[in-house]
Amino acid sequence: MATCPTCSKSVDEVEDPGAAPYGNFINYYTFNPPENRLSLIPATLLRDLGHNDSREEDTLILDVGRKVHLLGFDLDETLIRRAQQTSPEHSNITFMHLDITQDTKQLQDYLRQHCCTHFHLCLCLAVTMWVHLNHGDSALLQLLSHLASISKHLLLEAQPWKCYRSAARRLRKLGRSDFDHFKTLKIQGDVAIHLKEHLEKHCGMQLIQSFGSTSWDRQLLLFRRT
């Protein structure tokens, strides 16, 4: 998931895709293949938040034996178009152009279309840092609260603090301004612990399983509505 109002690709982003300031990487799964996560988690899905280019969703859906509906969304319209063009033709996969920090009505509309009040599973993978850096502490917690309110289960992969420093360093290397909130964030250190505490204390969710950490030292945590 990315978190900017508009996402036109600059020359710098094309030359250094690792410097995407909103997480809207143009080739994310070439340097972090889906197998890095899929080797740790069961082959289940319903929705992926911040999907980039759909490869992970396609892999997941091929492993699911029963009928499910998958919604993937991102605020980068270019990535959404790419996903629509490259994804296998599944009638139960939908890609949506959406910035969840600004508008959630489309999610409610999607649920109503499928006669549901909640998503069975929300995948929020390597998303939290970008919301945090671009919108601050309160927006990060608000995001988690909203996801918890519309999901029965939440699979969370939060970037550790060292990833924040690396992201800021990449921007400075390109001569860009730092992230708006990087130097004023109060949620630091073990970010995953902070997010777990918020979900359990304020969102009515309980950690039911930790699937371990990826090769990038990111924990995969599964929460369930209590």
Protein backbone atom coordinates (compact mmCIF):
# COMPACT_ATOMS: atom_id res chain seq x y z
CA MET A 1 0.00 0.00 0.00
CA ALA A 2 1.17 3.51 -0.76
CA THR A 3 -0.09 6.67 0.86
CA CYS A 4 0.27 9.68 -1.40
CA PRO A 5 -2.47 11.61 -3.22
CA THR A 6 -0.78 11.24 -6.60
CA CYS A 7 1.88 8.77 -7.66
CA SER A 8 3.57 9.74 -10.90
CA LYS A 9 6.87 7.95 -11.40
CA SER A 10 9.93 10.17 -11.43
CA VAL A 11 13.18 9.37 -13.20
CA ASP A 12 14.77 8.65 -9.84
CA GLU A 13 12.12 6.06 -8.95
CA VAL A 14 12.62 4.27 -12.24
CA GLU A 15 16.39 4.25 -11.82
CA ASP A 16 16.22 3.29 -8.14
CA PRO A 17 12.93 1.46 -7.51
CA GLY A 18 13.99 0.82 -3.92
CA ALA A 19 13.55 4.53 -3.21
CA ALA A 20 9.78 4.67 -3.78
CA PRO A 21 8.70 7.06 -1.00
CA TYR A 22 5.20 5.61 -0.61
CA GLY A 23 5.90 1.90 -0.91
CA ASN A 24 4.61 1.84 -4.49
CA PHE A 25 7.50 -0.21 -5.84
CA ILE A 26 7.40 -0.94 -9.56
CA ASN A 27 9.06 -4.36 -9.21
CA TYR A 28 8.55 -5.35 -5.58
CA TYR A 29 8.31 -9.10 -6.08
CA THR A 30 11.56 -9.27 -8.03
CA PHE A 31 13.53 -8.47 -4.88
CA ASN A 32 11.09 -9.91 -2.32
CA PRO A 33 9.53 -12.98 -4.00
CA PRO A 34 6.14 -14.22 -2.71
CA GLU A 35 7.82 -17.43 -1.51
CA ASN A 36 9.54 -15.46 1.26
CA ARG A 37 6.14 -15.14 2.94
CA LEU A 38 4.27 -18.12 1.54
CA SER A 39 6.83 -20.50 2.99
CA LEU A 40 5.75 -19.31 6.45
CA ILE A 41 1.96 -19.00 6.18
CA PRO A 42 -0.92 -21.32 5.25
CA ALA A 43 -2.37 -21.03 1.76
CA THR A 44 -5.42 -18.97 2.73
CA LEU A 45 -6.52 -15.54 1.68
CA LEU A 46 -9.33 -13.10 1.26
CA ARG A 47 -7.89 -9.64 0.88
CA ASP A 48 -4.44 -8.12 0.49
CA LEU A 49 -3.83 -4.50 1.40
CA GLY A 50 -1.09 -2.89 -0.64
CA HIS A 51 -0.65 -5.60 -3.20
CA ASN A 52 1.82 -3.90 -5.62
CA ASP A 53 1.46 -6.09 -8.72
CA SER A 54 -0.77 -9.08 -7.82
CA ARG A 55 1.78 -11.90 -8.00
CA GLU A 56 1.36 -12.90 -4.37
CA GLU A 57 -2.44 -12.94 -4.64
CA ASP A 58 -2.30 -15.07 -7.78
CA THR A 59 -0.05 -17.57 -6.03
CA LEU A 60 -2.35 -17.71 -3.04
CA ILE A 61 -5.56 -18.13 -4.96
CA LEU A 62 -4.23 -21.07 -6.94
CA ASP A 63 -3.71 -22.91 -3.66
CA VAL A 64 -7.23 -22.36 -2.35
CA GLY A 65 -9.67 -25.17 -2.97
CA ARG A 66 -12.88 -23.37 -2.10
CA LYS A 67 -14.56 -20.36 -3.62
CA VAL A 68 -13.23 -17.09 -2.24
CA HIS A 69 -13.26 -13.47 -3.33
CA LEU A 70 -10.07 -11.45 -3.25
CA LEU A 71 -9.79 -7.67 -3.19
CA GLY A 72 -6.40 -6.05 -3.72
CA PHE A 73 -5.99 -2.29 -3.64
CA ASP A 74 -3.31 0.37 -3.83
CA LEU A 75 -3.32 4.13 -4.27
CA ASP A 76 -0.92 3.86 -7.20
CA GLU A 77 -3.18 3.67 -10.23
CA THR A 78 -0.30 2.46 -12.42
CA LEU A 79 0.20 -0.60 -10.23
CA ILE A 80 -3.52 -1.32 -10.28
CA ARG A 81 -3.60 -1.22 -14.07
CA ARG A 82 -0.59 -3.50 -14.24
CA ALA A 83 -2.25 -5.98 -11.89
CA GLN A 84 -5.41 -5.96 -13.98
CA GLN A 85 -3.42 -6.60 -17.14
CA THR A 86 -1.11 -9.31 -15.83
CA SER A 87 -3.33 -11.22 -13.41
CA PRO A 88 -4.86 -14.49 -14.60
CA GLU A 89 -8.54 -14.21 -15.43
CA HIS A 90 -10.27 -14.98 -12.16
CA SER A 91 -13.82 -13.75 -11.74
CA ASN A 92 -13.29 -13.64 -7.99
CA ILE A 93 -10.27 -11.27 -8.02
CA THR A 94 -10.87 -7.52 -7.95
CA PHE A 95 -8.25 -4.76 -8.05
CA MET A 96 -9.19 -1.33 -6.75
CA HIS A 97 -7.52 2.09 -6.91
CA LEU A 98 -7.85 3.32 -3.32
CA ASP A 99 -6.00 5.25 -0.62
CA ILE A 100 -7.31 3.76 2.60
CA THR A 101 -6.00 6.70 4.63
CA GLN A 102 -8.43 8.97 2.78
CA ASP A 103 -11.49 6.93 1.82
CA THR A 104 -12.99 3.68 3.10
CA LYS A 105 -16.43 3.91 1.49
CA GLN A 106 -15.33 1.71 -1.42
CA LEU A 107 -14.48 -1.09 0.99
CA GLN A 108 -17.91 -0.94 2.57
CA ASP A 109 -19.49 -0.95 -0.88
CA TYR A 110 -17.47 -4.05 -1.80
CA LEU A 111 -18.61 -5.85 1.35
CA ARG A 112 -22.24 -4.98 0.69
CA GLN A 113 -21.95 -6.29 -2.88
CA HIS A 114 -20.93 -9.64 -1.43
CA CYS A 115 -23.53 -9.55 1.38
CA CYS A 116 -20.82 -9.42 4.04
CA THR A 117 -20.14 -7.22 7.03
CA HIS A 118 -16.49 -8.22 7.45
CA PHE A 119 -13.60 -9.59 5.45
CA HIS A 120 -12.68 -13.07 6.60
CA LEU A 121 -8.98 -12.29 6.29
CA CYS A 122 -7.05 -9.10 5.67
CA LEU A 123 -3.42 -9.27 4.60
CA CYS A 124 -1.50 -6.14 5.59
CA LEU A 125 2.01 -6.97 4.43
CA ALA A 126 4.88 -4.45 4.62
CA VAL A 127 2.43 -1.55 4.62
CA THR A 128 2.52 -0.03 8.09
CA MET A 129 5.87 1.78 7.73
CA TRP A 130 4.71 3.80 4.71
CA VAL A 131 1.57 5.01 6.43
CA HIS A 132 3.62 5.75 9.54
CA LEU A 133 6.34 7.73 7.74
CA ASN A 134 3.97 9.73 5.56
CA HIS A 135 1.10 10.32 7.99
CA GLY A 136 2.43 9.86 11.53
CA ASP A 137 1.64 7.88 14.67
CA SER A 138 -2.08 8.62 14.85
CA ALA A 139 -2.68 7.63 11.22
CA LEU A 140 -0.88 4.33 11.74
CA LEU A 141 -3.03 3.45 14.74
CA GLN A 142 -6.14 4.62 12.92
CA LEU A 143 -5.29 2.30 10.02
CA LEU A 144 -4.99 -0.69 12.34
CA SER A 145 -8.23 0.20 14.10
CA HIS A 146 -10.06 0.40 10.80
CA LEU A 147 -8.68 -2.90 9.51
CA ALA A 148 -9.63 -4.57 12.77
CA SER A 149 -13.17 -3.19 12.53
CA ILE A 150 -13.79 -4.76 9.11
CA SER A 151 -11.82 -8.02 9.44
CA LYS A 152 -12.35 -11.27 11.29
CA HIS A 153 -8.67 -12.12 10.90
CA LEU A 154 -5.68 -9.88 10.22
CA LEU A 155 -2.32 -11.12 8.97
CA LEU A 156 0.19 -8.39 9.73
CA GLU A 157 3.76 -7.94 8.55
CA ALA A 158 5.23 -4.79 10.06
CA GLN A 159 8.58 -3.41 8.99
CA PRO A 160 11.13 -3.17 11.84
CA TRP A 161 12.65 0.18 12.77
CA LYS A 162 15.83 -0.48 10.79
CA CYS A 163 13.68 -0.40 7.63
CA TYR A 164 12.53 3.12 8.54
CA ARG A 165 16.12 4.30 8.73
CA SER A 166 16.95 2.61 5.43
CA ALA A 167 13.96 4.21 3.68
CA ALA A 168 14.93 7.66 4.95
CA ARG A 169 18.54 7.10 3.92
CA ARG A 170 17.48 6.20 0.36
CA LEU A 171 15.52 9.44 0.05
CA ARG A 172 18.44 11.51 1.29
CA LYS A 173 20.74 9.73 -1.15
CA LEU A 174 18.51 10.99 -3.98
CA GLY A 175 18.61 14.53 -2.60
CA ARG A 176 14.94 14.55 -1.61
CA SER A 177 13.24 15.92 1.46
CA ASP A 178 12.94 13.56 4.39
CA PHE A 179 9.64 11.88 5.27
CA ASP A 180 7.28 14.36 6.89
CA HIS A 181 7.04 12.52 10.21
CA PHE A 182 10.26 10.51 10.47
CA LYS A 183 11.95 12.70 13.09
CA THR A 184 8.84 13.16 15.25
CA LEU A 185 7.52 9.60 15.47
CA LYS A 186 6.95 8.38 19.01
CA ILE A 187 6.29 4.77 18.02
CA GLN A 188 9.81 3.44 17.50
CA GLY A 189 11.97 0.49 18.49
CA ASP A 190 10.12 -2.82 18.26
CA VAL A 191 7.30 -1.56 16.05
CA ALA A 192 5.58 -4.97 15.87
CA ILE A 193 5.18 -5.02 19.66
CA HIS A 194 3.57 -1.56 19.63
CA LEU A 195 1.13 -2.62 16.91
CA LYS A 196 0.30 -5.87 18.71
CA GLU A 197 -0.48 -3.96 21.91
CA HIS A 198 -2.75 -1.54 20.06
CA LEU A 199 -4.67 -4.31 18.32
CA GLU A 200 -5.16 -6.29 21.53
CA LYS A 201 -5.90 -3.41 23.90
CA HIS A 202 -7.96 -1.14 21.68
CA CYS A 203 -9.25 -3.12 18.70
CA GLY A 204 -10.70 -6.30 20.16
CA MET A 205 -8.19 -8.56 18.43
CA GLN A 206 -6.01 -11.34 19.80
CA LEU A 207 -2.72 -12.69 18.50
CA ILE A 208 -3.36 -16.37 17.75
CA GLN A 209 -0.19 -17.31 15.92
CA SER A 210 3.22 -16.02 14.97
CA PHE A 211 4.51 -17.64 11.79
CA GLY A 212 8.08 -16.54 12.45
CA SER A 213 10.12 -13.98 10.56
CA THR A 214 10.92 -13.59 6.89
CA SER A 215 14.46 -13.39 5.56
CA TRP A 216 14.10 -9.61 5.94
CA ASP A 217 13.50 -10.04 9.69
CA ARG A 218 9.81 -9.13 9.49
CA GLN A 219 7.42 -11.01 11.75
CA LEU A 220 4.22 -12.47 10.32
CA LEU A 221 1.51 -12.20 12.98
CA LEU A 222 -2.04 -13.54 12.72
CA PHE A 223 -4.75 -11.84 14.78
CA ARG A 224 -8.37 -12.87 15.31
CA ARG A 225 -11.35 -10.83 16.40
CA THR A 226 -12.30 -11.79 19.97
